[in-house]
Amino acid sequence: MLEFFLRGQSVTPFIVIGVVGLALVVLSLVLGEVFEGLLGGLDLDVGGGLFSAPVLGSFLASFGFGAALIIYTTGAGAAVGAVGGLASGLVVGGVALGMMRSLVNMPTDETVTTSSLTGAAGVVITAIPADGFGEVTIRHHGSQHKYNARATDGPIPAGAPVRVTAVLSASAVQVEPA
């Protein structure tokens, strides 16, 4: 059982603060955007993520458990434990803030869309008749995709290299011999 009083000093408030902080971190990891939406009513979106649930939770967990650990191991008073907990909370909260900002500002690749297929090279895998559809494979953004294809003018035999001239739909393109 948790000792409520240790060497005349109460560690319970610090442990409770640590548990609340840990719960905030776990809830933000498990529930993610749902949990952030619940906290949206507080309107704490200032400081570039400074008051986000993971950062606040990390700070509170480190502050509470750090202060309790200092009191338990050194026998120091609650004030000394609180100062030590504050220092550890600022360090861990700062690390969490840095990680959150790096994740939010991480550069990503552009979204792959079929509209960006125009001009892409491909190969006919099913012959394209003059008045119908065949199939082509196109390597686009590092992966191979298969599309239905219509020729701009005249039939195109299987195996012929082609170039996309227009995107007809999400699964069909118009091509011409390359």
N, C-alpha and C. Protein backbone atom coordinates (compact mmCIF):
# COMPACT_ATOMS: atom_id res chain seq x y z
N MET A 1 0.83 -1.19 0.00
CA MET A 1 0.00 0.00 0.00
C MET A 1 0.88 1.25 0.00
N LEU A 2 0.39 2.27 -0.67
CA LEU A 2 1.13 3.52 -0.78
C LEU A 2 1.22 4.18 0.58
N GLU A 3 2.41 4.57 0.96
CA GLU A 3 2.57 5.27 2.23
C GLU A 3 2.09 6.70 2.05
N PHE A 4 1.17 7.12 2.94
CA PHE A 4 0.62 8.46 2.81
C PHE A 4 1.53 9.51 3.41
N PHE A 5 2.28 9.12 4.40
CA PHE A 5 3.20 10.07 5.01
C PHE A 5 4.56 9.41 5.13
N LEU A 6 5.58 10.12 4.72
CA LEU A 6 6.92 9.58 4.76
C LEU A 6 7.82 10.60 5.44
N ARG A 7 8.39 10.21 6.57
CA ARG A 7 9.30 11.07 7.32
C ARG A 7 8.68 12.43 7.62
N GLY A 8 7.39 12.44 7.89
CA GLY A 8 6.72 13.68 8.25
C GLY A 8 6.30 14.50 7.05
N GLN A 9 6.63 14.07 5.83
CA GLN A 9 6.28 14.83 4.64
C GLN A 9 5.22 14.07 3.84
N SER A 10 4.27 14.75 3.32
CA SER A 10 3.22 14.12 2.54
C SER A 10 3.66 14.03 1.08
N VAL A 11 3.73 12.81 0.55
CA VAL A 11 4.08 12.63 -0.85
C VAL A 11 2.83 12.38 -1.69
N THR A 12 1.71 12.16 -1.02
CA THR A 12 0.47 11.82 -1.73
C THR A 12 0.08 12.87 -2.77
N PRO A 13 0.09 14.17 -2.46
CA PRO A 13 -0.28 15.14 -3.50
C PRO A 13 0.61 15.06 -4.73
N PHE A 14 1.89 14.82 -4.53
CA PHE A 14 2.80 14.73 -5.67
C PHE A 14 2.54 13.47 -6.49
N ILE A 15 2.24 12.38 -5.83
CA ILE A 15 1.93 11.14 -6.55
C ILE A 15 0.63 11.30 -7.32
N VAL A 16 -0.36 11.95 -6.73
CA VAL A 16 -1.62 12.19 -7.43
C VAL A 16 -1.38 13.06 -8.66
N ILE A 17 -0.57 14.10 -8.53
CA ILE A 17 -0.24 14.96 -9.69
C ILE A 17 0.45 14.13 -10.77
N GLY A 18 1.36 13.27 -10.37
CA GLY A 18 2.06 12.41 -11.33
C GLY A 18 1.11 11.45 -12.04
N VAL A 19 0.18 10.87 -11.30
CA VAL A 19 -0.79 9.95 -11.90
C VAL A 19 -1.71 10.69 -12.87
N VAL A 20 -2.15 11.89 -12.51
CA VAL A 20 -2.99 12.68 -13.41
C VAL A 20 -2.22 13.01 -14.69
N GLY A 21 -0.96 13.39 -14.55
CA GLY A 21 -0.14 13.68 -15.74
C GLY A 21 0.05 12.46 -16.61
N LEU A 22 0.32 11.32 -15.98
CA LEU A 22 0.49 10.08 -16.73
C LEU A 22 -0.80 9.70 -17.44
N ALA A 23 -1.94 9.91 -16.77
CA ALA A 23 -3.24 9.63 -17.39
C ALA A 23 -3.45 10.53 -18.62
N LEU A 24 -3.05 11.79 -18.52
CA LEU A 24 -3.18 12.70 -19.67
C LEU A 24 -2.36 12.21 -20.86
N VAL A 25 -1.13 11.76 -20.58
CA VAL A 25 -0.27 11.27 -21.66
C VAL A 25 -0.87 10.02 -22.29
N VAL A 26 -1.30 9.08 -21.45
CA VAL A 26 -1.87 7.83 -21.98
C VAL A 26 -3.14 8.10 -22.77
N LEU A 27 -4.02 8.95 -22.25
CA LEU A 27 -5.26 9.27 -22.97
C LEU A 27 -4.97 9.96 -24.30
N SER A 28 -3.99 10.84 -24.32
CA SER A 28 -3.68 11.52 -25.58
C SER A 28 -3.06 10.56 -26.58
N LEU A 29 -2.32 9.54 -26.12
CA LEU A 29 -1.76 8.55 -27.03
C LEU A 29 -2.81 7.58 -27.54
N VAL A 30 -3.69 7.14 -26.65
CA VAL A 30 -4.69 6.14 -27.02
C VAL A 30 -5.84 6.75 -27.80
N LEU A 31 -6.35 7.88 -27.34
CA LEU A 31 -7.52 8.48 -27.97
C LEU A 31 -7.16 9.56 -28.98
N GLY A 32 -5.96 10.07 -28.94
CA GLY A 32 -5.46 11.03 -29.93
C GLY A 32 -6.35 12.24 -30.12
N GLU A 33 -6.82 12.41 -31.35
CA GLU A 33 -7.61 13.59 -31.73
C GLU A 33 -8.94 13.66 -30.98
N VAL A 34 -9.50 12.51 -30.61
CA VAL A 34 -10.75 12.51 -29.85
C VAL A 34 -10.53 13.21 -28.52
N PHE A 35 -9.44 12.84 -27.83
CA PHE A 35 -9.13 13.45 -26.54
C PHE A 35 -8.82 14.93 -26.70
N GLU A 36 -8.06 15.29 -27.74
CA GLU A 36 -7.76 16.70 -27.98
C GLU A 36 -9.05 17.47 -28.25
N GLY A 37 -10.02 16.84 -28.92
CA GLY A 37 -11.31 17.47 -29.18
C GLY A 37 -12.08 17.72 -27.90
N LEU A 38 -11.97 16.80 -26.94
CA LEU A 38 -12.63 16.99 -25.66
C LEU A 38 -12.03 18.17 -24.91
N LEU A 39 -10.73 18.37 -25.07
CA LEU A 39 -10.07 19.50 -24.42
C LEU A 39 -10.20 20.78 -25.23
N GLY A 40 -10.79 20.70 -26.42
CA GLY A 40 -10.93 21.87 -27.28
C GLY A 40 -11.76 22.98 -26.65
N GLY A 41 -12.67 22.62 -25.75
CA GLY A 41 -13.49 23.62 -25.07
C GLY A 41 -12.67 24.51 -24.16
N LEU A 42 -11.50 24.05 -23.77
CA LEU A 42 -10.64 24.86 -22.91
C LEU A 42 -9.91 25.94 -23.70
N ASP A 43 -9.83 25.77 -25.03
CA ASP A 43 -9.19 26.75 -25.91
C ASP A 43 -7.79 27.10 -25.43
N LEU A 44 -6.94 26.08 -25.29
CA LEU A 44 -5.56 26.27 -24.84
C LEU A 44 -4.57 26.22 -25.98
N ASP A 45 -5.02 26.50 -27.19
CA ASP A 45 -4.16 26.38 -28.35
C ASP A 45 -3.32 27.64 -28.55
N VAL A 46 -2.43 27.89 -27.61
CA VAL A 46 -1.51 29.01 -27.71
C VAL A 46 -0.11 28.50 -27.44
N GLY A 47 0.86 29.20 -27.90
CA GLY A 47 2.24 28.84 -27.60
C GLY A 47 2.79 27.71 -28.45
N GLY A 48 2.21 27.44 -29.60
CA GLY A 48 2.75 26.43 -30.50
C GLY A 48 2.77 25.04 -29.91
N GLY A 49 1.72 24.64 -29.23
CA GLY A 49 1.64 23.29 -28.65
C GLY A 49 2.07 23.23 -27.20
N LEU A 50 2.38 24.39 -26.62
CA LEU A 50 2.84 24.43 -25.23
C LEU A 50 1.81 23.84 -24.28
N PHE A 51 0.54 24.05 -24.56
CA PHE A 51 -0.51 23.57 -23.67
C PHE A 51 -1.26 22.37 -24.26
N SER A 52 -0.60 21.58 -25.10
CA SER A 52 -1.23 20.38 -25.62
C SER A 52 -1.23 19.30 -24.54
N ALA A 53 -2.13 18.34 -24.67
CA ALA A 53 -2.27 17.29 -23.66
C ALA A 53 -0.98 16.50 -23.44
N PRO A 54 -0.25 16.09 -24.50
CA PRO A 54 0.99 15.36 -24.24
C PRO A 54 2.05 16.18 -23.49
N VAL A 55 2.15 17.46 -23.81
CA VAL A 55 3.15 18.30 -23.14
C VAL A 55 2.75 18.56 -21.69
N LEU A 56 1.48 18.92 -21.46
CA LEU A 56 1.02 19.13 -20.08
C LEU A 56 1.12 17.85 -19.27
N GLY A 57 0.71 16.75 -19.86
CA GLY A 57 0.78 15.47 -19.16
C GLY A 57 2.20 15.08 -18.81
N SER A 58 3.12 15.27 -19.74
CA SER A 58 4.53 14.96 -19.48
C SER A 58 5.08 15.82 -18.36
N PHE A 59 4.75 17.13 -18.40
CA PHE A 59 5.20 18.03 -17.35
C PHE A 59 4.65 17.60 -15.99
N LEU A 60 3.33 17.35 -15.91
CA LEU A 60 2.72 16.99 -14.64
C LEU A 60 3.24 15.66 -14.10
N ALA A 61 3.40 14.67 -14.98
CA ALA A 61 3.91 13.37 -14.54
C ALA A 61 5.33 13.50 -14.00
N SER A 62 6.17 14.22 -14.72
CA SER A 62 7.55 14.39 -14.27
C SER A 62 7.62 15.23 -13.00
N PHE A 63 6.81 16.27 -12.92
CA PHE A 63 6.79 17.11 -11.72
C PHE A 63 6.36 16.29 -10.50
N GLY A 64 5.23 15.60 -10.62
CA GLY A 64 4.70 14.86 -9.48
C GLY A 64 5.59 13.72 -9.05
N PHE A 65 5.96 12.86 -9.98
CA PHE A 65 6.79 11.71 -9.62
C PHE A 65 8.20 12.13 -9.24
N GLY A 66 8.71 13.20 -9.88
CA GLY A 66 10.05 13.70 -9.53
C GLY A 66 10.08 14.25 -8.11
N ALA A 67 9.06 15.03 -7.75
CA ALA A 67 9.00 15.58 -6.39
C ALA A 67 8.85 14.46 -5.37
N ALA A 68 7.99 13.49 -5.64
CA ALA A 68 7.81 12.38 -4.71
C ALA A 68 9.09 11.57 -4.56
N LEU A 69 9.80 11.38 -5.65
CA LEU A 69 11.06 10.63 -5.60
C LEU A 69 12.11 11.39 -4.80
N ILE A 70 12.18 12.68 -4.96
CA ILE A 70 13.14 13.49 -4.20
C ILE A 70 12.82 13.41 -2.70
N ILE A 71 11.55 13.56 -2.37
CA ILE A 71 11.16 13.48 -0.95
C ILE A 71 11.46 12.10 -0.39
N TYR A 72 11.16 11.06 -1.14
CA TYR A 72 11.34 9.69 -0.67
C TYR A 72 12.81 9.34 -0.49
N THR A 73 13.65 9.71 -1.45
CA THR A 73 15.05 9.30 -1.40
C THR A 73 15.92 10.16 -0.51
N THR A 74 15.60 11.44 -0.40
CA THR A 74 16.47 12.32 0.37
C THR A 74 15.90 12.71 1.72
N GLY A 75 14.61 12.53 1.89
CA GLY A 75 13.99 12.97 3.14
C GLY A 75 13.83 14.47 3.21
N ALA A 76 14.01 15.15 2.08
CA ALA A 76 13.88 16.60 2.04
C ALA A 76 12.42 16.99 2.23
N GLY A 77 12.18 18.24 2.47
CA GLY A 77 10.83 18.74 2.67
C GLY A 77 10.06 18.84 1.36
N ALA A 78 8.79 19.15 1.50
CA ALA A 78 7.91 19.26 0.34
C ALA A 78 8.34 20.40 -0.57
N ALA A 79 8.85 21.49 -0.01
CA ALA A 79 9.27 22.63 -0.83
C ALA A 79 10.45 22.26 -1.72
N VAL A 80 11.43 21.56 -1.14
CA VAL A 80 12.59 21.13 -1.93
C VAL A 80 12.15 20.13 -2.99
N GLY A 81 11.25 19.21 -2.61
CA GLY A 81 10.73 18.25 -3.57
C GLY A 81 9.99 18.94 -4.70
N ALA A 82 9.22 19.99 -4.36
CA ALA A 82 8.47 20.71 -5.39
C ALA A 82 9.41 21.43 -6.34
N VAL A 83 10.48 22.02 -5.84
CA VAL A 83 11.45 22.70 -6.69
C VAL A 83 12.14 21.70 -7.61
N GLY A 84 12.55 20.57 -7.04
CA GLY A 84 13.18 19.53 -7.86
C GLY A 84 12.20 18.97 -8.88
N GLY A 85 10.95 18.77 -8.47
CA GLY A 85 9.92 18.29 -9.40
C GLY A 85 9.66 19.29 -10.50
N LEU A 86 9.67 20.58 -10.16
CA LEU A 86 9.48 21.63 -11.16
C LEU A 86 10.60 21.59 -12.19
N ALA A 87 11.83 21.41 -11.71
CA ALA A 87 12.97 21.34 -12.63
C ALA A 87 12.84 20.13 -13.57
N SER A 88 12.51 18.97 -13.00
CA SER A 88 12.37 17.79 -13.85
C SER A 88 11.17 17.93 -14.78
N GLY A 89 10.09 18.55 -14.31
CA GLY A 89 8.93 18.78 -15.16
C GLY A 89 9.23 19.69 -16.33
N LEU A 90 10.01 20.74 -16.08
CA LEU A 90 10.38 21.65 -17.16
C LEU A 90 11.25 20.96 -18.21
N VAL A 91 12.17 20.12 -17.75
CA VAL A 91 13.03 19.41 -18.69
C VAL A 91 12.22 18.42 -19.54
N VAL A 92 11.44 17.56 -18.88
CA VAL A 92 10.66 16.55 -19.61
C VAL A 92 9.57 17.21 -20.45
N GLY A 93 8.91 18.23 -19.92
CA GLY A 93 7.91 18.96 -20.70
C GLY A 93 8.53 19.63 -21.91
N GLY A 94 9.73 20.18 -21.74
CA GLY A 94 10.43 20.80 -22.88
C GLY A 94 10.79 19.79 -23.95
N VAL A 95 11.23 18.60 -23.53
CA VAL A 95 11.52 17.54 -24.50
C VAL A 95 10.24 17.14 -25.24
N ALA A 96 9.14 16.98 -24.50
CA ALA A 96 7.86 16.63 -25.12
C ALA A 96 7.41 17.72 -26.09
N LEU A 97 7.60 18.98 -25.71
CA LEU A 97 7.23 20.09 -26.59
C LEU A 97 8.06 20.06 -27.87
N GLY A 98 9.36 19.83 -27.73
CA GLY A 98 10.23 19.73 -28.91
C GLY A 98 9.82 18.60 -29.84
N MET A 99 9.46 17.47 -29.25
CA MET A 99 9.01 16.34 -30.07
C MET A 99 7.69 16.65 -30.76
N MET A 100 6.76 17.27 -30.04
CA MET A 100 5.46 17.62 -30.64
C MET A 100 5.65 18.61 -31.79
N ARG A 101 6.47 19.61 -31.59
CA ARG A 101 6.69 20.61 -32.65
C ARG A 101 7.37 19.98 -33.86
N SER A 102 8.32 19.06 -33.63
CA SER A 102 8.99 18.43 -34.76
C SER A 102 8.03 17.54 -35.54
N LEU A 103 7.10 16.89 -34.85
CA LEU A 103 6.12 16.06 -35.55
C LEU A 103 5.13 16.91 -36.33
N VAL A 104 4.70 18.01 -35.74
CA VAL A 104 3.73 18.87 -36.42
C VAL A 104 4.35 19.55 -37.63
N ASN A 105 5.60 19.94 -37.55
CA ASN A 105 6.25 20.68 -38.63
C ASN A 105 7.07 19.79 -39.57
N MET A 106 6.88 18.47 -39.48
CA MET A 106 7.65 17.55 -40.29
C MET A 106 7.27 17.70 -41.77
N PRO A 107 8.26 17.84 -42.65
CA PRO A 107 7.94 17.93 -44.07
C PRO A 107 7.44 16.57 -44.58
N THR A 108 6.45 16.60 -45.45
CA THR A 108 5.92 15.37 -46.01
C THR A 108 5.89 15.47 -47.53
N ASP A 109 5.76 14.32 -48.17
CA ASP A 109 5.66 14.30 -49.62
C ASP A 109 4.30 14.85 -50.04
N GLU A 110 4.24 15.29 -51.27
CA GLU A 110 2.96 15.78 -51.77
C GLU A 110 1.97 14.63 -51.85
N THR A 111 0.71 14.96 -51.77
CA THR A 111 -0.34 13.96 -51.87
C THR A 111 -0.42 13.45 -53.29
N VAL A 112 -0.43 12.13 -53.44
CA VAL A 112 -0.51 11.53 -54.76
C VAL A 112 -1.95 11.62 -55.26
N THR A 113 -2.11 12.24 -56.41
CA THR A 113 -3.44 12.35 -57.03
C THR A 113 -3.34 11.90 -58.47
N THR A 114 -4.46 11.46 -59.03
CA THR A 114 -4.45 11.04 -60.42
C THR A 114 -4.25 12.22 -61.36
N SER A 115 -4.61 13.42 -60.94
CA SER A 115 -4.44 14.59 -61.82
C SER A 115 -2.96 14.85 -62.11
N SER A 116 -2.08 14.38 -61.26
CA SER A 116 -0.65 14.59 -61.50
C SER A 116 -0.06 13.53 -62.43
N LEU A 117 -0.89 12.66 -63.00
CA LEU A 117 -0.42 11.63 -63.93
C LEU A 117 -0.13 12.18 -65.32
N THR A 118 -0.68 13.32 -65.67
CA THR A 118 -0.49 13.87 -67.01
C THR A 118 1.00 14.02 -67.30
N GLY A 119 1.42 13.42 -68.41
CA GLY A 119 2.82 13.45 -68.81
C GLY A 119 3.61 12.24 -68.35
N ALA A 120 3.03 11.40 -67.50
CA ALA A 120 3.74 10.22 -67.00
C ALA A 120 3.87 9.17 -68.09
N ALA A 121 4.95 8.40 -68.05
CA ALA A 121 5.19 7.35 -69.03
C ALA A 121 4.66 6.03 -68.51
N GLY A 122 4.24 5.17 -69.44
CA GLY A 122 3.71 3.87 -69.07
C GLY A 122 3.88 2.87 -70.19
N VAL A 123 3.36 1.67 -69.96
CA VAL A 123 3.44 0.60 -70.94
C VAL A 123 2.06 -0.03 -71.06
N VAL A 124 1.63 -0.30 -72.28
CA VAL A 124 0.34 -0.93 -72.52
C VAL A 124 0.45 -2.40 -72.14
N ILE A 125 -0.45 -2.89 -71.29
CA ILE A 125 -0.43 -4.32 -70.93
C ILE A 125 -1.60 -5.08 -71.57
N THR A 126 -2.67 -4.40 -71.89
CA THR A 126 -3.78 -4.95 -72.67
C THR A 126 -4.01 -3.99 -73.83
N ALA A 127 -3.96 -4.53 -75.05
CA ALA A 127 -4.06 -3.67 -76.25
C ALA A 127 -5.25 -2.71 -76.15
N ILE A 128 -5.01 -1.48 -76.63
CA ILE A 128 -6.04 -0.44 -76.59
C ILE A 128 -6.66 -0.35 -77.98
N PRO A 129 -7.97 -0.68 -78.10
CA PRO A 129 -8.63 -0.57 -79.41
C PRO A 129 -8.91 0.89 -79.76
N ALA A 130 -9.24 1.14 -80.99
CA ALA A 130 -9.48 2.51 -81.46
C ALA A 130 -10.69 3.14 -80.78
N ASP A 131 -11.68 2.34 -80.41
CA ASP A 131 -12.90 2.90 -79.85
C ASP A 131 -13.24 2.34 -78.47
N GLY A 132 -12.25 1.91 -77.72
CA GLY A 132 -12.52 1.33 -76.41
C GLY A 132 -11.35 1.52 -75.45
N PHE A 133 -11.40 0.72 -74.42
CA PHE A 133 -10.38 0.82 -73.38
C PHE A 133 -9.48 -0.41 -73.36
N GLY A 134 -8.22 -0.17 -73.04
CA GLY A 134 -7.26 -1.22 -72.75
C GLY A 134 -6.70 -0.93 -71.37
N GLU A 135 -5.53 -1.50 -71.08
CA GLU A 135 -4.92 -1.27 -69.77
C GLU A 135 -3.46 -0.88 -69.93
N VAL A 136 -3.02 0.01 -69.04
CA VAL A 136 -1.62 0.43 -69.01
C VAL A 136 -1.11 0.35 -67.58
N THR A 137 0.20 0.17 -67.45
CA THR A 137 0.82 0.31 -66.13
C THR A 137 1.68 1.56 -66.16
N ILE A 138 1.62 2.30 -65.08
CA ILE A 138 2.35 3.56 -64.99
C ILE A 138 3.10 3.58 -63.66
N ARG A 139 4.39 3.86 -63.72
CA ARG A 139 5.17 4.04 -62.49
C ARG A 139 5.07 5.50 -62.13
N HIS A 140 4.46 5.73 -60.96
CA HIS A 140 4.21 7.11 -60.54
C HIS A 140 4.51 7.24 -59.05
N HIS A 141 5.34 8.19 -58.68
CA HIS A 141 5.77 8.40 -57.29
C HIS A 141 6.34 7.13 -56.67
N GLY A 142 7.09 6.40 -57.46
CA GLY A 142 7.80 5.24 -56.94
C GLY A 142 7.02 3.95 -56.86
N SER A 143 5.78 3.93 -57.32
CA SER A 143 5.03 2.67 -57.29
C SER A 143 4.31 2.45 -58.61
N GLN A 144 4.09 1.19 -58.91
CA GLN A 144 3.46 0.80 -60.17
C GLN A 144 1.94 0.79 -59.99
N HIS A 145 1.22 1.40 -60.93
CA HIS A 145 -0.25 1.45 -60.89
C HIS A 145 -0.80 1.00 -62.23
N LYS A 146 -1.95 0.34 -62.18
CA LYS A 146 -2.62 -0.10 -63.41
C LYS A 146 -3.87 0.73 -63.62
N TYR A 147 -4.03 1.24 -64.85
CA TYR A 147 -5.18 2.09 -65.18
C TYR A 147 -5.84 1.58 -66.46
N ASN A 148 -7.13 1.84 -66.58
CA ASN A 148 -7.81 1.65 -67.86
C ASN A 148 -7.33 2.80 -68.74
N ALA A 149 -7.19 2.51 -70.04
CA ALA A 149 -6.63 3.54 -70.91
C ALA A 149 -7.38 3.59 -72.23
N ARG A 150 -7.55 4.80 -72.72
CA ARG A 150 -8.16 5.06 -74.04
C ARG A 150 -7.08 5.78 -74.86
N ALA A 151 -6.98 5.41 -76.12
CA ALA A 151 -5.98 6.01 -77.00
C ALA A 151 -6.52 7.31 -77.59
N THR A 152 -5.64 8.29 -77.80
CA THR A 152 -6.05 9.57 -78.37
C THR A 152 -6.39 9.41 -79.85
N ASP A 153 -5.58 8.63 -80.57
CA ASP A 153 -5.87 8.41 -81.98
C ASP A 153 -5.33 7.04 -82.40
N GLY A 154 -6.24 6.15 -82.77
CA GLY A 154 -5.86 4.83 -83.28
C GLY A 154 -5.53 3.83 -82.18
N PRO A 155 -5.53 2.55 -82.53
CA PRO A 155 -5.23 1.50 -81.55
C PRO A 155 -3.74 1.48 -81.19
N ILE A 156 -3.46 0.97 -79.99
CA ILE A 156 -2.07 0.84 -79.52
C ILE A 156 -1.89 -0.61 -79.06
N PRO A 157 -0.87 -1.31 -79.59
CA PRO A 157 -0.69 -2.72 -79.23
C PRO A 157 -0.09 -2.89 -77.83
N ALA A 158 -0.27 -4.09 -77.26
CA ALA A 158 0.30 -4.42 -75.95
C ALA A 158 1.82 -4.34 -76.03
N GLY A 159 2.45 -3.85 -74.97
CA GLY A 159 3.90 -3.73 -74.91
C GLY A 159 4.43 -2.40 -75.39
N ALA A 160 3.58 -1.58 -76.00
CA ALA A 160 4.02 -0.30 -76.55
C ALA A 160 4.19 0.73 -75.43
N PRO A 161 5.25 1.53 -75.48
CA PRO A 161 5.40 2.61 -74.50
C PRO A 161 4.43 3.75 -74.82
N VAL A 162 3.84 4.32 -73.79
CA VAL A 162 2.86 5.40 -73.97
C VAL A 162 3.14 6.53 -72.99
N ARG A 163 2.47 7.66 -73.26
CA ARG A 163 2.55 8.82 -72.38
C ARG A 163 1.12 9.28 -72.11
N VAL A 164 0.82 9.63 -70.85
CA VAL A 164 -0.52 10.05 -70.46
C VAL A 164 -0.74 11.48 -70.94
N THR A 165 -1.85 11.68 -71.66
CA THR A 165 -2.19 13.02 -72.15
C THR A 165 -3.31 13.67 -71.34
N ALA A 166 -4.14 12.83 -70.69
CA ALA A 166 -5.24 13.37 -69.89
C ALA A 166 -5.69 12.31 -68.89
N VAL A 167 -6.25 12.78 -67.79
CA VAL A 167 -6.82 11.89 -66.79
C VAL A 167 -8.33 11.95 -66.96
N LEU A 168 -8.93 10.79 -67.27
CA LEU A 168 -10.37 10.73 -67.51
C LEU A 168 -11.16 10.53 -66.22
N SER A 169 -10.61 9.74 -65.32
CA SER A 169 -11.25 9.49 -64.01
C SER A 169 -10.18 8.98 -63.07
N ALA A 170 -10.59 8.57 -61.88
CA ALA A 170 -9.62 8.08 -60.91
C ALA A 170 -8.99 6.76 -61.35
N SER A 171 -9.65 6.07 -62.31
CA SER A 171 -9.12 4.78 -62.74
C SER A 171 -8.88 4.70 -64.25
N ALA A 172 -9.03 5.81 -64.97
CA ALA A 172 -8.86 5.79 -66.43
C ALA A 172 -8.05 7.01 -66.89
N VAL A 173 -7.19 6.74 -67.89
CA VAL A 173 -6.38 7.81 -68.46
C VAL A 173 -6.47 7.75 -69.98
N GLN A 174 -6.08 8.83 -70.61
CA GLN A 174 -5.99 8.88 -72.07
C GLN A 174 -4.51 8.92 -72.39
N VAL A 175 -4.09 8.09 -73.37
CA VAL A 175 -2.67 7.98 -73.67
C VAL A 175 -2.41 8.13 -75.16
N GLU A 176 -1.14 8.38 -75.49
CA GLU A 176 -0.68 8.40 -76.86
C GLU A 176 0.65 7.67 -76.91
N PRO A 177 1.01 7.15 -78.08
CA PRO A 177 2.31 6.46 -78.16
C PRO A 177 3.45 7.41 -77.78
N ALA A 178 4.41 6.86 -77.08
CA ALA A 178 5.56 7.69 -76.62
C ALA A 178 6.60 7.81 -77.70
